[in-house]
Structure formats: structure tokens, C-alpha cells
Amino acid sequence: MPKRPRSHEIEEFSRGRLRDLFGRLGWVVWDLHPDYGEDLLVRIFTNGAATHYSFFVQAKATDHIDRYQEEEFAHAVENQYVPADVDIYEDSDDGF
């Protein structure tokens, strides 16, 4: 039987946490498949009404942020061709 990689587990968890955080603001979050560096699209709502504003999010996940290499973060940012928010989730701290 194939084994699910830990990186897949925490990436899925990080996307869920982002959906929860943005959802609490009343914003709508869509998963992008296939993704080309952008994992989520967030539409901003104000007082329950849609605005003309949205943004892309690239979600990254790691077990220990101190082990996340500066080069990896720079690579994630420089490969963005559209404005995007890059969020790195640390599972051991349950935070971004």
C-alpha cells in the first residue's frame, strides 16, 4: 500500500487553516486545481457584500519553521508571476 507523505498531510492542514482564517473575515476561498504556484484564490467581502478585490495565496507547510530554508522561501516568492500572499504554516506551532 502507498504511504501518504507527511508533506501532503501538513499542506492540506495548512490550506484548511487558511480557509478558516479567511472565512472568519467573511471572505470566500477557492482551491485552485491545477495550481501553478497559487494554491488559493480569496475574494474579499465587506459587510456581506462582494467587493472587486481578490488575491492569490501560495500556501507552504513545514513541521519546523526554523528548518525552512531562506532559499526555499525566496524561491517560492520569486516564482510568483501575479501578486500573491505567501503563507508558511508551521505544524508544530499551529500557526503561520
C-alpha atoms as a PDB file:
ATOM      1  CA  MET A   1       0.000   0.000   0.000  1.00  0.00           C
ATOM      2  CA  PRO A   2       1.241   3.501  -0.764  1.00  0.00           C
ATOM      3  CA  LYS A   3       2.056   5.716   2.179  1.00  0.00           C
ATOM      4  CA  ARG A   4       0.894   9.312   2.307  1.00  0.00           C
ATOM      5  CA  PRO A   5       3.854  11.706   2.648  1.00  0.00           C
ATOM      6  CA  ARG A   6       3.905  13.953   5.715  1.00  0.00           C
ATOM      7  CA  SER A   7       4.313  16.981   3.419  1.00  0.00           C
ATOM      8  CA  HIS A   8       0.917  16.235   1.849  1.00  0.00           C
ATOM      9  CA  GLU A   9      -0.722  15.963   5.258  1.00  0.00           C
ATOM     10  CA  ILE A  10       0.515  19.293   6.587  1.00  0.00           C
ATOM     11  CA  GLU A  11      -0.088  21.078   3.272  1.00  0.00           C
ATOM     12  CA  GLU A  12      -3.727  20.001   3.363  1.00  0.00           C
ATOM     13  CA  PHE A  13      -3.977  21.080   7.004  1.00  0.00           C
ATOM     14  CA  SER A  14      -2.427  24.479   6.206  1.00  0.00           C
ATOM     15  CA  ARG A  15      -4.983  25.099   3.445  1.00  0.00           C
ATOM     16  CA  GLY A  16      -7.779  24.241   5.868  1.00  0.00           C
ATOM     17  CA  ARG A  17      -6.423  26.661   8.468  1.00  0.00           C
ATOM     18  CA  LEU A  18      -6.197  29.416   5.841  1.00  0.00           C
ATOM     19  CA  ARG A  19      -9.786  28.739   4.739  1.00  0.00           C
ATOM     20  CA  ASP A  20     -10.861  29.004   8.391  1.00  0.00           C
ATOM     21  CA  LEU A  21      -8.950  32.250   8.974  1.00  0.00           C
ATOM     22  CA  PHE A  22     -10.225  33.971   5.850  1.00  0.00           C
ATOM     23  CA  GLY A  23     -13.724  32.549   6.384  1.00  0.00           C
ATOM     24  CA  ARG A  24     -13.905  34.225   9.801  1.00  0.00           C
ATOM     25  CA  LEU A  25     -13.487  37.531   7.975  1.00  0.00           C
ATOM     26  CA  GLY A  26     -16.446  36.656   5.770  1.00  0.00           C
ATOM     27  CA  TRP A  27     -14.224  36.144   2.739  1.00  0.00           C
ATOM     28  CA  VAL A  28     -14.655  33.316   0.226  1.00  0.00           C
ATOM     29  CA  VAL A  29     -11.787  30.929  -0.553  1.00  0.00           C
ATOM     30  CA  TRP A  30     -11.437  28.702  -3.629  1.00  0.00           C
ATOM     31  CA  ASP A  31      -8.874  25.929  -4.064  1.00  0.00           C
ATOM     32  CA  LEU A  32      -7.114  26.196  -7.399  1.00  0.00           C
ATOM     33  CA  HIS A  33      -6.593  22.951  -9.341  1.00  0.00           C
ATOM     34  CA  PRO A  34      -4.294  22.588 -11.058  1.00  0.00           C
ATOM     35  CA  ASP A  35      -2.261  25.183  -9.246  1.00  0.00           C
ATOM     36  CA  TYR A  36       0.587  27.000 -10.922  1.00  0.00           C
ATOM     37  CA  GLY A  37       2.195  28.308  -7.750  1.00  0.00           C
ATOM     38  CA  GLU A  38      -1.029  29.815  -6.449  1.00  0.00           C
ATOM     39  CA  ASP A  39      -2.962  27.432  -4.221  1.00  0.00           C
ATOM     40  CA  LEU A  40      -5.984  29.507  -3.230  1.00  0.00           C
ATOM     41  CA  LEU A  41      -7.989  32.428  -4.572  1.00  0.00           C
ATOM     42  CA  VAL A  42      -9.559  34.663  -1.918  1.00  0.00           C
ATOM     43  CA  ARG A  43     -12.477  37.017  -2.672  1.00  0.00           C
ATOM     44  CA  ILE A  44     -12.914  39.877  -0.219  1.00  0.00           C
ATOM     45  CA  PHE A  45     -16.373  40.706   1.116  1.00  0.00           C
ATOM     46  CA  THR A  46     -17.294  43.732   3.237  1.00  0.00           C
ATOM     47  CA  ASN A  47     -20.431  43.645   5.383  1.00  0.00           C
ATOM     48  CA  GLY A  48     -21.577  40.573   3.448  1.00  0.00           C
ATOM     49  CA  ALA A  49     -21.227  42.247   0.046  1.00  0.00           C
ATOM     50  CA  ALA A  50     -18.676  41.188  -2.557  1.00  0.00           C
ATOM     51  CA  THR A  51     -16.000  43.724  -3.402  1.00  0.00           C
ATOM     52  CA  HIS A  52     -13.947  43.963  -6.583  1.00  0.00           C
ATOM     53  CA  TYR A  53     -10.917  42.728  -4.666  1.00  0.00           C
ATOM     54  CA  SER A  54      -9.376  39.287  -4.602  1.00  0.00           C
ATOM     55  CA  PHE A  55      -5.907  37.853  -4.211  1.00  0.00           C
ATOM     56  CA  PHE A  56      -3.978  34.633  -4.660  1.00  0.00           C
ATOM     57  CA  VAL A  57      -2.359  32.698  -1.828  1.00  0.00           C
ATOM     58  CA  GLN A  58       0.536  30.295  -2.041  1.00  0.00           C
ATOM     59  CA  ALA A  59       0.425  28.004   0.992  1.00  0.00           C
ATOM     60  CA  LYS A  60       3.588  26.378   2.252  1.00  0.00           C
ATOM     61  CA  ALA A  61       3.823  23.981   5.174  1.00  0.00           C
ATOM     62  CA  THR A  62       6.603  22.669   7.387  1.00  0.00           C
ATOM     63  CA  ASP A  63       6.956  20.893  10.706  1.00  0.00           C
ATOM     64  CA  HIS A  64       9.574  23.372  11.953  1.00  0.00           C
ATOM     65  CA  ILE A  65       9.820  26.910  10.587  1.00  0.00           C
ATOM     66  CA  ASP A  66      13.417  27.244  11.777  1.00  0.00           C
ATOM     67  CA  ARG A  67      14.335  24.455   9.363  1.00  0.00           C
ATOM     68  CA  TYR A  68      12.568  26.120   6.437  1.00  0.00           C
ATOM     69  CA  GLN A  69      15.438  27.383   4.361  1.00  0.00           C
ATOM     70  CA  GLU A  70      15.586  31.047   3.425  1.00  0.00           C
ATOM     71  CA  GLU A  71      16.380  29.939  -0.133  1.00  0.00           C
ATOM     72  CA  GLU A  72      13.139  27.917  -0.294  1.00  0.00           C
ATOM     73  CA  PHE A  73      11.103  30.953   0.753  1.00  0.00           C
ATOM     74  CA  ALA A  74      12.913  33.188  -1.754  1.00  0.00           C
ATOM     75  CA  HIS A  75      12.273  30.601  -4.476  1.00  0.00           C
ATOM     76  CA  ALA A  76       8.558  30.493  -3.587  1.00  0.00           C
ATOM     77  CA  VAL A  77       8.297  34.284  -3.785  1.00  0.00           C
ATOM     78  CA  GLU A  78      10.325  34.824  -6.945  1.00  0.00           C
ATOM     79  CA  ASN A  79       8.292  32.229  -8.843  1.00  0.00           C
ATOM     80  CA  GLN A  80       5.096  34.233  -8.388  1.00  0.00           C
ATOM     81  CA  TYR A  81       4.044  35.826 -11.659  1.00  0.00           C
ATOM     82  CA  VAL A  82       0.998  37.519 -10.189  1.00  0.00           C
ATOM     83  CA  PRO A  83       0.628  39.303  -6.840  1.00  0.00           C
ATOM     84  CA  ALA A  84       0.136  36.663  -4.177  1.00  0.00           C
ATOM     85  CA  ASP A  85       0.273  36.260  -0.433  1.00  0.00           C
ATOM     86  CA  VAL A  86       2.804  33.568   0.534  1.00  0.00           C
ATOM     87  CA  ASP A  87       1.911  31.896   3.842  1.00  0.00           C
ATOM     88  CA  ILE A  88       4.141  29.338   5.549  1.00  0.00           C
ATOM     89  CA  TYR A  89       2.332  27.155   8.068  1.00  0.00           C
ATOM     90  CA  GLU A  90       4.304  25.557  10.906  1.00  0.00           C
ATOM     91  CA  ASP A  91       2.521  22.471  12.204  1.00  0.00           C
ATOM     92  CA  SER A  92       4.455  22.169  15.459  1.00  0.00           C
ATOM     93  CA  ASP A  93       3.343  25.705  16.396  1.00  0.00           C
ATOM     94  CA  ASP A  94      -0.071  25.547  14.687  1.00  0.00           C
ATOM     95  CA  GLY A  95       0.499  28.971  13.187  1.00  0.00           C
ATOM     96  CA  PHE A  96       1.611  30.986  10.202  1.00  0.00           C
END
